[in-house]
Amino acid sequence: MIKNYIPSNVARMVFAATMALFGVFHFLGAKDMAGMVPAYLGFVPAEIWVYLTGLGLLGAAASFILDQKVKLAGYLLALMLVLFALMLHVPCLGDAVKGQLAMIMMLKDLGLAMCAVLIANASEN
């Protein structure tokens, strides 16, 4: 039987730190990231969407680190990441230039979403 060499709490903290960094990057690079926001979300300025995303990432990270509302934060983070995959990356898959990067980003977001689900499922709060 394989032993758990990395405690789940350590894995959760590393994941939280990663989400926190992604959140900070959304605040620091909002103008650059605003170009990725789909035009159909134009009823709100693109930079606002980027800031809201950064806030969501930081909120999930804080929840995981403080061990508060982890189940809710994990499921909401997973939902946000799956929506990114569907709304941002899937539409670009057929593009000759952007297709490969879109596939990589989609798989990254889906993988991170499933990590968030694992953290949520392992939590009692």
Protein backbone atom coordinates (compact mmCIF):
# COMPACT_ATOMS: atom_id res chain seq x y z
CA MET A 1 0.00 0.00 0.00
CA ILE A 2 1.28 3.46 -0.88
CA LYS A 3 1.62 5.84 2.03
CA ASN A 4 0.61 9.49 1.93
CA TYR A 5 3.95 11.26 1.98
CA ILE A 6 2.45 14.71 1.51
CA PRO A 7 -0.23 15.55 4.08
CA SER A 8 -3.50 16.83 2.61
CA ASN A 9 -3.19 20.09 4.55
CA VAL A 10 0.15 20.81 2.88
CA ALA A 11 -1.33 20.12 -0.56
CA ARG A 12 -4.29 22.40 0.25
CA MET A 13 -1.93 25.21 1.36
CA VAL A 14 0.18 24.92 -1.80
CA PHE A 15 -2.97 25.00 -3.93
CA ALA A 16 -4.22 28.02 -1.94
CA ALA A 17 -0.92 29.83 -2.44
CA THR A 18 -1.14 29.16 -6.18
CA MET A 19 -4.70 30.52 -6.34
CA ALA A 20 -3.63 33.56 -4.29
CA LEU A 21 -0.80 34.29 -6.71
CA PHE A 22 -3.16 33.93 -9.67
CA GLY A 23 -5.50 36.36 -7.88
CA VAL A 24 -2.72 38.90 -7.35
CA PHE A 25 -1.70 38.58 -11.00
CA HIS A 26 -5.28 39.45 -12.00
CA PHE A 27 -5.00 42.72 -10.07
CA LEU A 28 -1.52 43.54 -11.33
CA GLY A 29 -2.22 42.69 -14.97
CA ALA A 30 -5.89 43.62 -15.31
CA LYS A 31 -5.34 45.79 -18.39
CA ASP A 32 -3.48 43.02 -20.21
CA MET A 33 -5.98 40.32 -19.20
CA ALA A 34 -9.01 42.44 -20.12
CA GLY A 35 -8.50 41.47 -23.77
CA MET A 36 -9.37 37.87 -22.91
CA VAL A 37 -12.88 38.77 -21.70
CA PRO A 38 -15.45 37.70 -24.33
CA ALA A 39 -17.26 40.52 -26.13
CA TYR A 40 -20.66 39.19 -25.05
CA LEU A 41 -19.76 40.12 -21.45
CA GLY A 42 -19.32 43.73 -22.56
CA PHE A 43 -22.24 44.95 -20.44
CA VAL A 44 -19.62 45.25 -17.68
CA PRO A 45 -16.18 46.73 -18.44
CA ALA A 46 -13.65 43.97 -19.11
CA GLU A 47 -11.26 45.08 -16.37
CA ILE A 48 -14.06 44.72 -13.81
CA TRP A 49 -14.45 41.05 -14.82
CA VAL A 50 -10.71 40.57 -14.34
CA TYR A 51 -10.81 42.19 -10.90
CA LEU A 52 -13.84 40.07 -9.89
CA THR A 53 -11.98 36.96 -11.00
CA GLY A 54 -8.95 38.00 -8.96
CA LEU A 55 -11.20 38.56 -5.96
CA GLY A 56 -12.72 35.10 -6.39
CA LEU A 57 -9.29 33.49 -6.55
CA LEU A 58 -8.10 35.39 -3.46
CA GLY A 59 -11.32 34.55 -1.61
CA ALA A 60 -10.95 30.84 -2.30
CA ALA A 61 -7.30 30.96 -1.25
CA ALA A 62 -8.19 32.70 2.01
CA SER A 63 -10.91 30.16 2.69
CA PHE A 64 -8.52 27.24 2.15
CA ILE A 65 -5.78 28.79 4.30
CA LEU A 66 -8.10 29.81 7.15
CA ASP A 67 -10.03 26.52 6.92
CA GLN A 68 -13.35 28.37 6.80
CA LYS A 69 -16.19 27.54 4.38
CA VAL A 70 -13.77 25.33 2.45
CA LYS A 71 -16.50 23.19 0.88
CA LEU A 72 -18.39 26.21 -0.45
CA ALA A 73 -15.22 27.96 -1.64
CA GLY A 74 -13.95 24.80 -3.34
CA TYR A 75 -17.16 24.22 -5.26
CA LEU A 76 -17.47 27.89 -6.26
CA LEU A 77 -13.86 27.97 -7.42
CA ALA A 78 -14.43 24.79 -9.43
CA LEU A 79 -17.54 26.32 -11.02
CA MET A 80 -15.62 29.47 -11.95
CA LEU A 81 -12.78 27.47 -13.50
CA VAL A 82 -15.13 25.23 -15.50
CA LEU A 83 -16.93 28.33 -16.76
CA PHE A 84 -13.56 29.74 -17.85
CA ALA A 85 -12.88 26.56 -19.79
CA LEU A 86 -16.27 26.72 -21.49
CA MET A 87 -16.50 30.47 -22.09
CA LEU A 88 -12.90 31.43 -22.81
CA HIS A 89 -11.07 28.39 -24.13
CA VAL A 90 -13.58 26.14 -25.93
CA PRO A 91 -14.56 28.87 -28.44
CA CYS A 92 -10.88 29.20 -29.47
CA LEU A 93 -10.21 25.48 -29.99
CA GLY A 94 -10.91 25.61 -33.72
CA ASP A 95 -8.67 28.62 -34.32
CA ALA A 96 -5.55 27.75 -36.31
CA VAL A 97 -3.38 30.15 -34.29
CA LYS A 98 -4.95 30.07 -30.81
CA GLY A 99 -6.19 26.47 -30.80
CA GLN A 100 -3.21 24.78 -29.16
CA LEU A 101 -2.89 27.38 -26.39
CA ALA A 102 -6.65 27.24 -25.85
CA MET A 103 -6.43 23.47 -25.38
CA ILE A 104 -3.59 23.84 -22.86
CA MET A 105 -5.44 26.54 -20.92
CA MET A 106 -8.69 24.57 -20.98
CA LEU A 107 -6.99 21.45 -19.61
CA LYS A 108 -5.19 23.54 -16.96
CA ASP A 109 -8.45 25.13 -15.80
CA LEU A 110 -10.29 21.80 -15.75
CA GLY A 111 -7.45 20.19 -13.78
CA LEU A 112 -7.42 23.03 -11.25
CA ALA A 113 -11.22 22.82 -11.00
CA MET A 114 -11.02 19.14 -10.13
CA CYS A 115 -8.36 19.88 -7.49
CA ALA A 116 -10.78 22.40 -5.98
CA VAL A 117 -13.48 19.70 -5.96
CA LEU A 118 -11.13 17.28 -4.20
CA ILE A 119 -10.38 19.92 -1.55
CA ALA A 120 -14.10 20.64 -1.13
CA ASN A 121 -14.97 16.97 -0.85
CA ALA A 122 -12.27 16.40 1.79
CA SER A 123 -13.50 19.27 3.93
CA GLU A 124 -15.99 19.05 6.73
CA ASN A 125 -16.82 22.76 6.70
